[in-house]
Protein backbone atom coordinates (compact mmCIF):
# COMPACT_ATOMS: atom_id res chain seq x y z
CA MET A 1 44.90 -0.47 5.15
CA CYS A 2 41.56 -2.17 3.32
CA GLN A 3 39.69 -4.57 5.76
CA THR A 4 38.77 -7.06 2.94
CA ASP A 5 37.78 -10.67 3.55
CA GLN A 6 38.95 -13.93 1.58
CA PRO A 7 37.41 -14.72 -2.06
CA THR A 8 33.12 -14.95 -1.69
CA GLN A 9 32.75 -18.95 -1.64
CA ASP A 10 31.28 -19.47 -4.95
CA VAL A 11 27.63 -22.16 -4.60
CA GLN A 12 25.80 -22.29 -7.74
CA THR A 13 22.14 -22.28 -6.87
CA ASP A 14 18.82 -22.97 -9.02
CA GLN A 15 18.44 -20.09 -10.07
CA PRO A 16 10.00 8.80 -13.90
CA GLN A 17 7.34 7.18 -11.16
CA HIS A 18 7.01 3.96 -13.03
CA ASP A 19 5.34 1.15 -11.03
CA VAL A 20 6.22 -2.72 -11.70
CA ARG A 21 4.47 -5.10 -9.69
CA HIS A 22 4.70 -9.61 -9.62
CA THR A 23 4.93 -14.18 -3.54
CA SER A 24 7.11 -13.88 -1.49
CA ARG A 25 10.60 -14.07 -2.01
CA ARG A 26 10.95 -17.43 -0.52
CA THR A 27 8.33 -18.88 -2.43
CA VAL A 28 9.58 -17.63 -6.07
CA LEU A 29 13.17 -18.67 -5.89
CA GLY A 30 11.32 -21.92 -6.87
CA ALA A 31 8.76 -20.31 -9.00
CA VAL A 32 7.80 -21.34 -13.11
CA ALA A 33 7.45 -18.50 -15.73
CA ALA A 34 3.90 -16.98 -15.52
CA SER A 35 2.49 -16.31 -19.12
CA ALA A 36 1.96 -12.65 -20.65
CA VAL A 37 -0.58 -11.14 -22.18
CA GLY A 38 -1.74 -7.82 -23.62
CA ALA A 39 0.08 -5.21 -25.70
CA ALA A 40 3.94 -3.93 -25.25
CA PRO A 41 3.53 -0.55 -23.88
CA LEU A 42 6.60 1.52 -23.28
CA LEU A 43 6.76 4.15 -20.75
CA ALA A 44 9.15 7.08 -21.15
CA ALA A 45 11.25 8.16 -18.17
CA ALA A 46 9.84 10.70 -16.16
CA PRO A 47 11.74 14.21 -15.86
CA ALA A 48 14.69 13.63 -13.49
CA ALA A 49 13.74 14.83 -9.03
CA ALA A 50 15.62 15.04 -6.74
CA ALA A 51 12.73 13.72 -3.67
CA PRO A 52 13.95 11.35 -1.68
CA VAL A 53 13.02 8.15 -2.08
CA SER A 54 11.19 5.81 0.38
CA GLY A 55 12.74 3.54 2.09
CA ALA A 56 9.75 0.92 2.36
CA GLY A 57 9.86 -1.97 -0.02
CA LEU A 58 12.06 -2.40 -3.39
CA SER A 59 13.02 0.72 -5.62
CA LEU A 60 15.62 1.17 -8.45
CA VAL A 61 16.81 4.77 -9.09
CA LEU A 62 19.20 5.30 -11.83
CA LEU A 63 21.54 7.20 -11.04
CA GLY A 64 23.71 7.45 -14.67
CA THR A 65 22.86 6.13 -18.10
CA ASN A 66 25.57 7.13 -20.46
CA SER A 67 27.50 4.30 -22.03
CA GLY A 68 31.38 5.13 -21.96
CA PRO A 69 34.33 5.75 -21.21
CA PRO A 70 33.46 8.80 -23.04
CA PRO A 71 31.87 11.14 -20.54
CA LEU A 72 28.86 13.62 -22.03
CA ALA A 73 27.60 16.66 -20.55
CA GLY A 74 24.27 15.77 -20.60
CA ARG A 75 24.16 12.00 -19.18
CA TYR A 76 26.09 10.67 -16.21
CA GLY A 77 28.15 7.73 -16.09
CA ILE A 78 26.61 4.31 -15.52
CA SER A 79 25.36 3.35 -12.10
CA SER A 80 22.03 1.99 -10.54
CA ALA A 81 21.00 2.31 -7.03
CA LEU A 82 18.69 -0.15 -5.33
CA MET A 83 16.77 0.47 -2.06
CA VAL A 84 15.68 -2.80 -0.24
CA ASN A 85 13.60 -2.33 3.20
CA GLY A 86 16.05 1.41 3.49
CA ARG A 87 19.07 -0.13 2.60
CA THR A 88 20.76 1.09 -0.50
CA TYR A 89 22.80 -1.58 -3.19
CA VAL A 90 24.90 0.60 -5.69
CA VAL A 91 25.29 -1.21 -8.99
CA ASP A 92 28.36 0.06 -10.95
CA CYS A 93 29.54 3.44 -9.86
CA GLY A 94 30.45 5.30 -13.20
CA ARG A 95 31.29 8.96 -13.58
CA GLY A 96 29.30 11.15 -11.15
CA ALA A 97 27.72 8.45 -9.79
CA VAL A 98 28.23 9.54 -5.82
CA THR A 99 26.82 13.19 -7.05
CA GLN A 100 23.67 11.44 -8.38
CA TYR A 101 22.97 9.52 -5.61
CA LEU A 102 22.73 12.37 -3.59
CA ARG A 103 20.83 14.32 -6.17
CA ALA A 104 18.32 11.17 -5.84
CA GLY A 105 17.54 12.09 -2.39
CA LEU A 106 19.50 9.01 -1.19
CA SER A 107 21.52 8.94 2.01
CA MET A 108 25.02 7.79 2.70
CA PRO A 109 24.14 6.11 5.93
CA SER A 110 22.05 4.14 3.64
CA LEU A 111 24.41 2.67 1.71
CA ALA A 112 24.98 -1.23 2.35
CA GLY A 113 27.01 -2.29 -0.59
CA ILE A 114 28.64 -1.61 -3.62
CA PHE A 115 28.27 -4.19 -6.92
CA LEU A 116 30.86 -3.87 -9.94
CA THR A 117 29.93 -6.21 -13.02
CA HIS A 118 33.59 -5.36 -14.11
CA LEU A 119 36.45 -3.58 -14.02
CA HIS A 120 36.39 -1.08 -17.23
CA ALA A 121 36.61 2.77 -16.26
CA ASP A 122 33.08 4.22 -17.11
CA HIS A 123 31.73 1.23 -14.58
CA ILE A 124 34.35 2.17 -11.54
CA VAL A 125 36.01 5.71 -11.99
CA ASP A 126 33.29 6.63 -8.84
CA TYR A 127 33.80 3.86 -7.05
CA TYR A 128 36.71 4.44 -4.36
CA SER A 129 35.28 8.35 -4.32
CA PHE A 130 32.42 6.81 -1.96
CA PRO A 131 34.60 6.36 0.78
CA LEU A 132 37.16 8.80 0.14
CA LEU A 133 34.44 11.42 0.00
CA SER A 134 31.72 10.31 2.82
CA ALA A 135 33.81 7.82 5.13
CA GLY A 136 33.59 9.45 8.28
CA ALA A 137 31.49 12.38 7.63
CA SER A 138 28.42 12.80 9.67
CA GLY A 139 24.92 13.27 8.17
CA GLY A 140 23.18 11.94 5.29
CA GLN A 141 26.39 13.14 2.98
CA GLY A 142 28.89 10.17 5.23
CA PHE A 143 29.06 6.73 6.47
CA ARG A 144 30.24 5.32 9.56
CA THR A 145 29.71 1.84 9.35
CA PRO A 146 31.37 -0.49 6.69
CA VAL A 147 30.23 -1.20 3.32
CA SER A 148 30.32 -4.41 1.38
CA VAL A 149 32.09 -4.30 -1.68
CA TYR A 150 31.86 -7.16 -4.21
CA GLY A 151 33.55 -7.28 -7.74
CA PRO A 152 35.63 -9.55 -10.45
CA GLY A 153 38.22 -10.82 -9.00
CA PRO A 154 41.92 -11.06 -10.90
CA ALA A 155 41.77 -11.92 -14.59
CA GLY A 156 44.86 -14.04 -14.04
CA ILE A 157 46.78 -12.75 -16.88
CA PRO A 158 49.77 -9.91 -16.99
CA SER A 159 49.14 -6.25 -17.09
CA THR A 160 50.50 -4.25 -19.85
CA VAL A 161 50.37 -0.83 -18.11
CA ALA A 162 53.99 0.10 -17.27
CA GLY A 163 54.66 0.57 -13.75
CA ALA A 164 51.87 -1.51 -12.73
CA PRO A 165 51.26 -4.46 -10.69
CA GLY A 166 52.86 -7.43 -12.54
CA ALA A 167 49.29 -9.31 -12.71
CA LEU A 168 45.72 -7.21 -13.28
CA PRO A 169 44.57 -6.67 -9.97
CA GLY A 170 41.04 -7.86 -9.57
CA THR A 171 38.62 -5.24 -6.97
CA VAL A 172 40.28 -6.28 -3.85
CA GLU A 173 43.83 -5.26 -4.88
CA MET A 174 42.15 -2.35 -6.89
CA THR A 175 40.78 -1.15 -3.94
CA ARG A 176 44.11 -1.45 -1.76
CA LEU A 177 46.07 0.02 -4.20
CA ALA A 178 43.69 3.41 -4.21
CA GLY A 179 43.81 3.64 -0.63
CA GLN A 180 47.52 3.93 -1.30
CA ALA A 181 47.11 6.50 -4.11
CA TYR A 182 45.06 8.49 -2.01
CA ALA A 183 47.02 8.43 1.17
CA ALA A 184 47.74 12.06 1.65
CA HIS A 185 44.27 12.63 2.33
CA PRO A 186 43.40 10.98 5.24
CA THR A 187 46.82 11.11 6.54
CA PHE A 188 46.59 14.69 6.65
CA PHE A 189 43.57 14.83 8.23
CA MET A 190 44.14 12.49 10.87
CA THR A 191 47.28 13.79 11.60
CA GLU A 192 45.20 16.47 12.91
CA HIS A 193 42.99 14.37 14.73
CA ILE A 194 40.24 14.44 12.44
CA GLY A 195 38.60 12.41 9.73
CA ILE A 196 39.47 8.38 9.22
CA ASP A 197 41.38 6.05 6.81
CA PRO A 198 38.69 5.37 3.73
CA ALA A 199 39.92 2.56 3.38
CA THR A 200 38.72 0.88 7.01
CA LEU A 201 34.91 1.54 6.06
CA LEU A 202 34.86 -1.18 3.17
CA ASN A 203 34.75 -4.69 3.41
CA VAL A 204 36.25 -5.42 0.30
CA HIS A 205 35.17 -9.25 -1.67
CA ASP A 206 36.25 -10.59 -4.86
CA VAL A 207 34.04 -12.50 -6.40
CA LEU A 208 35.33 -15.64 -8.64
CA PRO A 209 33.51 -17.81 -10.94
CA PRO A 210 32.71 -20.96 -9.89
CA ALA A 211 35.87 -23.94 -10.53
CA GLY A 212 33.10 -26.24 -12.41
CA VAL A 213 32.08 -24.10 -15.26
CA GLY A 214 35.12 -23.87 -16.80
CA ALA A 215 35.60 -19.90 -17.39
CA SER A 216 39.10 -18.54 -18.37
CA THR A 217 39.93 -15.35 -20.31
CA THR A 218 40.07 -17.22 -23.50
CA ASN A 219 36.39 -18.84 -22.62
CA THR A 220 34.81 -15.94 -20.51
CA ALA A 221 30.81 -16.88 -20.39
CA PRO A 222 30.57 -20.31 -20.53
CA ALA A 223 26.81 -21.80 -20.03
CA MET A 224 26.28 -21.89 -16.37
CA ARG A 225 23.98 -22.00 -13.56
CA PRO A 226 23.82 -18.41 -11.48
CA PHE A 227 25.94 -18.85 -8.42
CA THR A 228 25.08 -17.15 -4.62
CA VAL A 229 27.83 -13.61 -4.29
CA MET A 230 25.85 -12.42 -0.99
CA GLU A 231 22.45 -13.04 1.07
CA ASN A 232 21.39 -11.69 4.04
CA ASP A 233 17.79 -10.65 5.43
CA ASP A 234 17.04 -8.13 2.58
CA VAL A 235 18.13 -9.46 -0.32
CA LYS A 236 20.26 -12.43 -2.26
CA VAL A 237 22.10 -11.56 -4.88
CA THR A 238 23.30 -14.39 -7.62
CA ALA A 239 25.40 -13.82 -10.74
CA VAL A 240 26.48 -15.54 -13.83
CA LEU A 241 29.05 -14.50 -16.58
CA VAL A 242 28.54 -12.20 -19.55
CA PRO A 243 30.75 -12.12 -22.47
CA HIS A 244 31.94 -8.57 -22.83
CA GLY A 245 34.86 -8.91 -24.84
CA ALA A 246 38.73 -9.25 -23.03
CA ALA A 247 37.29 -8.01 -19.83
CA PHE A 248 37.25 -10.89 -17.46
CA PRO A 249 35.60 -11.72 -15.06
CA ALA A 250 32.38 -9.85 -16.35
CA TYR A 251 29.32 -10.40 -14.09
CA ALA A 252 25.33 -9.96 -14.39
CA TYR A 253 23.72 -9.44 -10.86
CA ARG A 254 20.11 -10.57 -9.53
CA PHE A 255 18.87 -9.22 -6.83
CA GLU A 256 16.11 -11.38 -5.28
CA THR A 257 13.73 -9.68 -2.43
CA ASP A 258 10.78 -10.16 -0.62
CA HIS A 259 9.10 -7.41 -2.76
CA GLY A 260 10.28 -8.24 -6.02
CA SER A 261 13.23 -9.12 -8.04
CA VAL A 262 16.11 -6.75 -10.25
CA VAL A 263 18.41 -7.71 -12.60
CA PHE A 264 21.36 -5.95 -13.75
CA SER A 265 23.10 -6.98 -17.38
CA GLY A 266 26.06 -5.19 -16.83
CA ASP A 267 28.16 -4.68 -20.09
CA THR A 268 27.32 -7.80 -22.29
CA ALA A 269 27.30 -9.02 -25.77
CA PRO A 270 24.10 -11.62 -25.97
CA THR A 271 24.23 -14.34 -24.30
CA PRO A 272 21.54 -17.31 -22.95
CA ASN A 273 23.02 -16.74 -19.45
CA ILE A 274 21.59 -13.30 -18.84
CA VAL A 275 17.65 -15.28 -19.84
CA THR A 276 18.78 -17.78 -17.27
CA LEU A 277 19.57 -15.09 -14.40
CA ALA A 278 16.51 -13.11 -15.36
CA ARG A 279 14.31 -15.82 -15.72
CA ASN A 280 10.77 -14.47 -14.06
CA ALA A 281 12.74 -11.17 -12.83
CA ASP A 282 10.13 -8.54 -12.08
CA VAL A 283 12.53 -6.24 -13.70
CA LEU A 284 15.64 -6.66 -16.08
CA VAL A 285 17.49 -3.51 -16.21
CA HIS A 286 19.69 -4.20 -19.71
CA GLU A 287 22.56 -2.08 -21.60
CA ALA A 288 21.36 -0.96 -25.11
CA LEU A 289 23.32 -0.39 -27.89
CA HIS A 290 21.94 1.59 -31.41
CA PRO A 291 24.19 0.42 -34.54
CA GLU A 292 23.12 3.20 -36.83
CA GLY A 293 24.07 6.19 -34.33
CA LEU A 294 27.13 4.09 -33.75
CA ALA A 295 28.08 4.19 -37.45
CA SER A 296 27.02 7.98 -37.33
CA LEU A 297 30.00 8.84 -35.14
CA GLY A 298 32.87 8.56 -37.44
CA LEU A 299 34.84 5.79 -35.32
CA PRO A 300 37.71 3.79 -36.83
CA PRO A 301 36.40 0.55 -37.96
CA ALA A 302 38.14 -1.30 -35.66
CA LEU A 303 36.64 0.20 -32.70
CA ILE A 304 33.29 0.04 -34.23
CA ASP A 305 33.80 -3.74 -34.53
CA HIS A 306 34.45 -4.34 -31.20
CA ILE A 307 31.84 -2.25 -29.55
CA LEU A 308 29.04 -4.48 -31.90
CA ALA A 309 30.79 -7.75 -30.59
CA THR A 310 30.80 -6.86 -27.02
CA HIS A 311 27.53 -4.61 -26.30
CA THR A 312 24.36 -5.85 -27.42
CA ASP A 313 21.78 -4.12 -30.13
CA VAL A 314 18.52 -2.39 -28.75
CA ALA A 315 16.48 -4.43 -31.19
CA GLU A 316 17.68 -7.67 -29.41
CA LEU A 317 16.62 -6.98 -26.30
CA GLY A 318 12.40 -7.49 -26.88
CA ARG A 319 13.85 -11.14 -27.57
CA ILE A 320 15.91 -11.46 -24.39
CA ALA A 321 13.08 -9.90 -22.01
CA ALA A 322 10.73 -12.34 -23.82
CA GLU A 323 12.39 -15.44 -23.51
CA ALA A 324 13.17 -14.69 -19.68
CA GLU A 325 9.81 -13.65 -19.35
CA ALA A 326 10.70 -10.57 -17.27
CA GLY A 327 7.87 -8.62 -16.11
CA ALA A 328 9.62 -5.19 -17.90
CA LEU A 329 12.83 -4.16 -19.08
CA VAL A 330 14.57 -1.11 -18.38
CA ALA A 331 16.98 0.18 -20.78
CA THR A 332 20.31 1.48 -19.73
CA HIS A 333 24.07 2.55 -20.67
CA LEU A 334 22.50 3.85 -23.41
CA GLY A 335 24.96 4.04 -26.79
CA PRO A 336 25.97 6.31 -28.11
CA GLY A 337 24.09 8.17 -25.51
CA ASP A 338 23.93 11.70 -27.16
CA PRO A 339 20.91 12.78 -27.30
CA ALA A 340 22.06 15.03 -30.40
CA VAL A 341 23.16 11.74 -32.44
CA VAL A 342 20.11 9.35 -31.25
CA SER A 343 17.05 11.15 -29.72
CA ASP A 344 14.83 9.80 -26.69
CA GLY A 345 12.14 9.25 -29.75
CA THR A 346 14.25 6.81 -31.36
CA TRP A 347 15.16 5.20 -28.40
CA ARG A 348 11.31 4.62 -27.47
CA ARG A 349 10.26 3.52 -31.27
CA LEU A 350 13.78 0.87 -31.45
CA LEU A 351 12.34 -0.32 -27.94
CA ARG A 352 8.85 -0.59 -29.28
CA ASP A 353 9.85 -2.41 -32.07
CA SER A 354 12.03 -4.89 -30.90
CA ALA A 355 9.43 -5.52 -28.43
CA ARG A 356 6.35 -6.22 -31.08
CA ARG A 357 9.02 -8.08 -33.23
CA ALA A 358 9.66 -10.67 -30.14
CA GLY A 359 5.59 -10.61 -29.17
CA TYR A 360 7.07 -9.55 -25.99
CA SER A 361 4.17 -8.15 -23.60
CA GLY A 362 5.85 -6.52 -20.49
CA ARG A 363 6.51 -2.88 -19.91
CA MET A 364 10.00 -1.65 -22.19
CA LEU A 365 11.06 1.62 -20.35
CA LEU A 366 13.69 4.17 -21.88
CA GLY A 367 16.22 4.73 -18.82
CA ALA A 368 17.03 8.00 -17.85
CA ASP A 369 19.51 9.74 -15.23
CA LEU A 370 17.72 9.91 -11.81
CA MET A 371 14.61 7.47 -13.22
CA HIS A 372 12.41 6.31 -10.32
CA VAL A 373 11.40 2.70 -10.34
CA PRO A 374 9.53 1.58 -7.75
CA VAL A 375 9.18 -2.86 -7.68
CA ARG A 376 6.23 -4.79 -6.44
CA ARG A 377 6.02 -8.62 -7.34
CA GLY A 378 3.08 -9.35 -8.86
CA SER A 379 1.06 -9.08 -12.59
CA ALA A 380 1.59 -5.15 -13.07
CA GLY A 381 4.49 -4.74 -15.49
CA ARG A 382 2.32 -7.13 -17.76
CA GLY A 383 -0.42 -5.91 -20.25
CA GLN A 384 -2.05 -2.18 -20.68
CA THR A 385 -0.46 0.72 -18.48
């Protein structure tokens, strides 16, 4: 049975190879925005590489950059890894996240936490694969100490899926049900006195919105201050609600460390909550939608309208980064993600145009699978590269 804690206490707070720099974590928690100067260079993604990532400081690796749910041959599902002082935190677990984690040169024993922004399949399909395939294994392919998991709590609405539990499960219940669905695998191994129950190596938390913000399935992302999800010696993680259609709760996360800060938007329509969360962040990892590319796919009009209403046009990214005064923006969860529909050159042009219109002087990076972005606090990430 899955080891689970009570839902996290919701406390409001005030709060390739590219090198992004910006004062200690404790100093920045109360800092004000620094002014941005210079031009707005756009950096193309470097070729994917599987070299081991350094355990020192703070690094970001994009494991997969495709929007979804439909899979692509040339781009893996949305997932990112953040390395802090040798510990790895995974944000979302799209298709192929486990494979990409290892291809990025990351070791399973370094995995310290998994954060889910929301419970759409393209963000969680590989979540239970981490413990199912790796729990109890030896060497760099396995882990033997519990991994903390943080994800949306129950939405509080009934399920419309035949035979499913009456109420939609949150992350804790979803994990328990996954453990039951895959019970044959550990049972067979443990019967032969080998293996381990994967669920015993997960410490799962339902993240619930603070009661005072008035969030609900009909008011999914009211204006709010970030609240603390988790904090340890290496990192403080805060979150805000973001609007993403019927998906509730859906979160964006900020990781604040002594080395720098990284924000993940998750899937979201434009919202002031992202600007609030990403204030002075060194890197803002944000989803990107190209409406013209979407229109070329021949999808039903109702589906196109839904996608447009629940995601962020790439043209908005420069403004969002400028308002947040983020040091750099990384575009990911690319929609459409097929290079045959929207080429990398087109994405780069759209990002460059977005930055220019907004007067954004930070770096704009086009995400690519296995792209590695070292992050340092400092002045780089603004001005020329």
